[in-house]
Amino acid sequence: MLFEKKTEFSFSTKEQLLEDIAFVREQGYAINNQRYEKGMVSISVPVIPKTTRLVEFAISVSGPSTRLLEGQKAIVSELLETAGKIAGLI
């Protein structure tokens, strides 16, 4: 598996990727902290309909690291709540 570093925060090994996947599974959300572009962060959560119990898609927010990292806890909470509402509609 080839890893191309875009920033100093990019993954460079398979082990780093697997560690991040474990974090996502445990925490229920993913965060891309400047891995592709320095200064930019994305936070995403899965939308899991009760009918299928499978991840159908995800919702996310992206923005400057200074703003998103400061409000990470609140953003994750809002995203999870919104994902739950969407899942209830489909």
N, C-alpha and C. Protein backbone atom coordinates (compact mmCIF):
# COMPACT_ATOMS: atom_id res chain seq x y z
N MET A 1 0.85 -1.17 0.00
CA MET A 1 0.00 0.00 0.00
C MET A 1 0.90 1.24 0.00
N LEU A 2 0.63 2.16 -0.90
CA LEU A 2 1.44 3.36 -1.04
C LEU A 2 0.76 4.55 -0.37
N PHE A 3 1.50 5.25 0.46
CA PHE A 3 0.99 6.43 1.14
C PHE A 3 1.76 7.66 0.66
N GLU A 4 1.05 8.61 0.10
CA GLU A 4 1.67 9.84 -0.36
C GLU A 4 1.39 10.93 0.68
N LYS A 5 2.42 11.41 1.31
CA LYS A 5 2.26 12.45 2.32
C LYS A 5 1.99 13.80 1.65
N LYS A 6 0.85 14.39 2.01
CA LYS A 6 0.49 15.71 1.51
C LYS A 6 0.93 16.79 2.50
N THR A 7 0.89 16.45 3.80
CA THR A 7 1.33 17.36 4.87
C THR A 7 2.08 16.52 5.90
N GLU A 8 2.63 17.19 6.90
CA GLU A 8 3.31 16.43 7.96
C GLU A 8 2.35 15.61 8.80
N PHE A 9 1.04 15.84 8.65
CA PHE A 9 0.02 15.10 9.40
C PHE A 9 -0.52 13.89 8.63
N SER A 10 -0.15 13.76 7.37
CA SER A 10 -0.62 12.65 6.53
C SER A 10 -0.10 11.31 7.06
N PHE A 11 -0.88 10.27 6.83
CA PHE A 11 -0.43 8.93 7.17
C PHE A 11 0.73 8.54 6.26
N SER A 12 1.69 7.82 6.84
CA SER A 12 2.79 7.33 6.03
C SER A 12 2.93 5.81 6.12
N THR A 13 2.10 5.19 6.99
CA THR A 13 2.18 3.73 7.14
C THR A 13 0.79 3.12 7.24
N LYS A 14 0.71 1.86 6.92
CA LYS A 14 -0.53 1.11 7.05
C LYS A 14 -0.96 1.06 8.52
N GLU A 15 -0.02 0.97 9.42
CA GLU A 15 -0.32 0.91 10.85
C GLU A 15 -1.04 2.18 11.32
N GLN A 16 -0.61 3.34 10.83
CA GLN A 16 -1.28 4.59 11.18
C GLN A 16 -2.72 4.60 10.69
N LEU A 17 -2.93 4.12 9.49
CA LEU A 17 -4.28 4.04 8.93
C LEU A 17 -5.15 3.11 9.76
N LEU A 18 -4.64 1.94 10.09
CA LEU A 18 -5.41 0.97 10.88
C LEU A 18 -5.71 1.51 12.28
N GLU A 19 -4.79 2.23 12.85
CA GLU A 19 -5.01 2.85 14.16
C GLU A 19 -6.14 3.88 14.07
N ASP A 20 -6.16 4.64 13.01
CA ASP A 20 -7.21 5.64 12.83
C ASP A 20 -8.57 4.97 12.61
N ILE A 21 -8.59 3.90 11.84
CA ILE A 21 -9.84 3.16 11.63
C ILE A 21 -10.38 2.64 12.96
N ALA A 22 -9.51 2.14 13.81
CA ALA A 22 -9.93 1.66 15.13
C ALA A 22 -10.52 2.80 15.95
N PHE A 23 -9.90 3.98 15.88
CA PHE A 23 -10.42 5.16 16.58
C PHE A 23 -11.83 5.51 16.08
N VAL A 24 -12.00 5.51 14.77
CA VAL A 24 -13.30 5.85 14.18
C VAL A 24 -14.36 4.87 14.65
N ARG A 25 -14.05 3.59 14.64
CA ARG A 25 -15.02 2.59 15.08
C ARG A 25 -15.37 2.75 16.55
N GLU A 26 -14.38 3.06 17.37
CA GLU A 26 -14.60 3.21 18.81
C GLU A 26 -15.37 4.48 19.14
N GLN A 27 -14.98 5.61 18.51
CA GLN A 27 -15.58 6.89 18.84
C GLN A 27 -16.87 7.20 18.08
N GLY A 28 -17.04 6.58 16.91
CA GLY A 28 -18.25 6.82 16.14
C GLY A 28 -18.18 8.01 15.20
N TYR A 29 -17.01 8.60 15.06
CA TYR A 29 -16.83 9.70 14.12
C TYR A 29 -15.40 9.69 13.60
N ALA A 30 -15.19 10.39 12.49
CA ALA A 30 -13.86 10.49 11.91
C ALA A 30 -13.43 11.95 11.87
N ILE A 31 -12.15 12.15 12.04
CA ILE A 31 -11.60 13.50 11.92
C ILE A 31 -10.38 13.46 11.01
N ASN A 32 -10.39 14.33 10.03
CA ASN A 32 -9.25 14.50 9.13
C ASN A 32 -8.57 15.79 9.57
N ASN A 33 -7.55 15.64 10.39
CA ASN A 33 -6.87 16.80 10.95
C ASN A 33 -5.65 17.16 10.11
N GLN A 34 -5.89 17.96 9.09
CA GLN A 34 -4.84 18.51 8.25
C GLN A 34 -4.04 17.43 7.50
N ARG A 35 -4.65 16.28 7.25
CA ARG A 35 -3.93 15.20 6.58
C ARG A 35 -3.76 15.43 5.09
N TYR A 36 -4.66 16.21 4.50
CA TYR A 36 -4.57 16.44 3.06
C TYR A 36 -4.13 17.88 2.75
N GLU A 37 -4.61 18.81 3.57
CA GLU A 37 -4.26 20.21 3.37
C GLU A 37 -4.02 20.85 4.73
N LYS A 38 -2.86 21.43 4.90
CA LYS A 38 -2.52 22.06 6.17
C LYS A 38 -3.50 23.21 6.46
N GLY A 39 -3.99 23.22 7.69
CA GLY A 39 -4.92 24.26 8.11
C GLY A 39 -6.38 23.90 7.92
N MET A 40 -6.67 22.77 7.28
CA MET A 40 -8.05 22.35 7.04
C MET A 40 -8.37 21.07 7.80
N VAL A 41 -9.55 21.05 8.39
CA VAL A 41 -10.01 19.90 9.17
C VAL A 41 -11.41 19.52 8.69
N SER A 42 -11.68 18.21 8.69
CA SER A 42 -13.02 17.69 8.40
C SER A 42 -13.42 16.75 9.53
N ILE A 43 -14.67 16.83 9.92
CA ILE A 43 -15.23 15.92 10.92
C ILE A 43 -16.45 15.29 10.30
N SER A 44 -16.55 13.96 10.35
CA SER A 44 -17.70 13.28 9.73
C SER A 44 -18.25 12.19 10.64
N VAL A 45 -19.54 11.93 10.46
CA VAL A 45 -20.22 10.87 11.19
C VAL A 45 -21.05 10.05 10.21
N PRO A 46 -21.26 8.78 10.52
CA PRO A 46 -22.06 7.95 9.62
C PRO A 46 -23.55 8.17 9.83
N VAL A 47 -24.31 7.93 8.78
CA VAL A 47 -25.77 7.89 8.88
C VAL A 47 -26.15 6.42 8.73
N ILE A 48 -26.77 5.88 9.78
CA ILE A 48 -27.09 4.45 9.82
C ILE A 48 -28.61 4.28 10.02
N PRO A 49 -29.34 4.05 8.94
CA PRO A 49 -30.79 3.84 9.07
C PRO A 49 -31.11 2.61 9.92
N LYS A 50 -32.16 2.73 10.71
CA LYS A 50 -32.57 1.60 11.56
C LYS A 50 -33.02 0.40 10.75
N THR A 51 -33.50 0.66 9.54
CA THR A 51 -34.02 -0.45 8.72
C THR A 51 -32.91 -1.36 8.20
N THR A 52 -31.74 -0.79 7.89
CA THR A 52 -30.66 -1.61 7.35
C THR A 52 -29.53 -1.85 8.34
N ARG A 53 -29.38 -0.94 9.30
CA ARG A 53 -28.29 -1.01 10.29
C ARG A 53 -26.92 -0.98 9.63
N LEU A 54 -26.84 -0.45 8.41
CA LEU A 54 -25.59 -0.34 7.67
C LEU A 54 -25.29 1.13 7.42
N VAL A 55 -24.02 1.45 7.31
CA VAL A 55 -23.66 2.82 6.98
C VAL A 55 -24.03 3.06 5.52
N GLU A 56 -25.00 3.92 5.31
CA GLU A 56 -25.46 4.24 3.96
C GLU A 56 -24.63 5.39 3.38
N PHE A 57 -24.33 6.38 4.21
CA PHE A 57 -23.53 7.53 3.81
C PHE A 57 -23.11 8.27 5.07
N ALA A 58 -22.40 9.36 4.91
CA ALA A 58 -21.94 10.14 6.06
C ALA A 58 -22.22 11.62 5.81
N ILE A 59 -22.26 12.37 6.90
CA ILE A 59 -22.35 13.82 6.80
C ILE A 59 -21.10 14.39 7.47
N SER A 60 -20.68 15.56 6.99
CA SER A 60 -19.45 16.13 7.53
C SER A 60 -19.47 17.64 7.47
N VAL A 61 -18.55 18.22 8.20
CA VAL A 61 -18.27 19.65 8.11
C VAL A 61 -16.76 19.79 7.92
N SER A 62 -16.38 20.80 7.19
CA SER A 62 -14.96 21.09 6.96
C SER A 62 -14.73 22.57 7.17
N GLY A 63 -13.52 22.89 7.62
CA GLY A 63 -13.20 24.29 7.80
C GLY A 63 -11.81 24.46 8.37
N PRO A 64 -11.49 25.68 8.72
CA PRO A 64 -10.16 25.97 9.26
C PRO A 64 -9.91 25.22 10.57
N SER A 65 -8.71 24.72 10.72
CA SER A 65 -8.38 23.94 11.91
C SER A 65 -8.57 24.76 13.19
N THR A 66 -8.28 26.03 13.14
CA THR A 66 -8.41 26.85 14.35
C THR A 66 -9.84 26.89 14.87
N ARG A 67 -10.81 26.91 14.00
CA ARG A 67 -12.21 26.94 14.43
C ARG A 67 -12.76 25.56 14.74
N LEU A 68 -12.48 24.59 13.89
CA LEU A 68 -13.09 23.27 14.08
C LEU A 68 -12.50 22.52 15.26
N LEU A 69 -11.23 22.64 15.49
CA LEU A 69 -10.63 21.92 16.61
C LEU A 69 -11.08 22.51 17.95
N GLU A 70 -11.27 23.82 17.99
CA GLU A 70 -11.78 24.47 19.21
C GLU A 70 -13.17 23.96 19.56
N GLY A 71 -14.01 23.80 18.56
CA GLY A 71 -15.39 23.40 18.78
C GLY A 71 -15.66 21.94 18.48
N GLN A 72 -14.63 21.12 18.46
CA GLN A 72 -14.77 19.72 18.03
C GLN A 72 -15.85 18.97 18.79
N LYS A 73 -15.88 19.07 20.09
CA LYS A 73 -16.86 18.32 20.89
C LYS A 73 -18.29 18.71 20.53
N ALA A 74 -18.55 19.99 20.42
CA ALA A 74 -19.89 20.47 20.06
C ALA A 74 -20.26 20.09 18.63
N ILE A 75 -19.28 20.17 17.73
CA ILE A 75 -19.54 19.83 16.33
C ILE A 75 -19.89 18.36 16.20
N VAL A 76 -19.12 17.51 16.86
CA VAL A 76 -19.39 16.06 16.82
C VAL A 76 -20.78 15.79 17.37
N SER A 77 -21.12 16.42 18.46
CA SER A 77 -22.44 16.22 19.07
C SER A 77 -23.56 16.62 18.11
N GLU A 78 -23.42 17.78 17.47
CA GLU A 78 -24.43 18.24 16.51
C GLU A 78 -24.52 17.32 15.29
N LEU A 79 -23.37 16.88 14.80
CA LEU A 79 -23.37 15.97 13.65
C LEU A 79 -24.06 14.65 14.00
N LEU A 80 -23.74 14.10 15.17
CA LEU A 80 -24.36 12.83 15.57
C LEU A 80 -25.87 12.98 15.72
N GLU A 81 -26.30 14.10 16.31
CA GLU A 81 -27.74 14.34 16.46
C GLU A 81 -28.41 14.47 15.09
N THR A 82 -27.81 15.20 14.19
CA THR A 82 -28.36 15.39 12.85
C THR A 82 -28.38 14.07 12.08
N ALA A 83 -27.31 13.29 12.19
CA ALA A 83 -27.26 11.98 11.52
C ALA A 83 -28.37 11.08 12.03
N GLY A 84 -28.64 11.12 13.33
CA GLY A 84 -29.72 10.34 13.91
C GLY A 84 -31.08 10.76 13.35
N LYS A 85 -31.29 12.05 13.20
CA LYS A 85 -32.54 12.54 12.63
C LYS A 85 -32.70 12.11 11.19
N ILE A 86 -31.62 12.21 10.42
CA ILE A 86 -31.67 11.79 9.01
C ILE A 86 -31.96 10.30 8.93
N ALA A 87 -31.29 9.52 9.75
CA ALA A 87 -31.48 8.06 9.75
C ALA A 87 -32.93 7.69 10.05
N GLY A 88 -33.57 8.47 10.90
CA GLY A 88 -34.96 8.22 11.23
C GLY A 88 -35.93 8.52 10.10
N LEU A 89 -35.48 9.27 9.13
CA LEU A 89 -36.33 9.67 8.01
C LEU A 89 -36.21 8.74 6.80
N ILE A 90 -35.18 7.89 6.81
CA ILE A 90 -34.97 7.05 5.64
C ILE A 90 -35.14 5.57 5.97
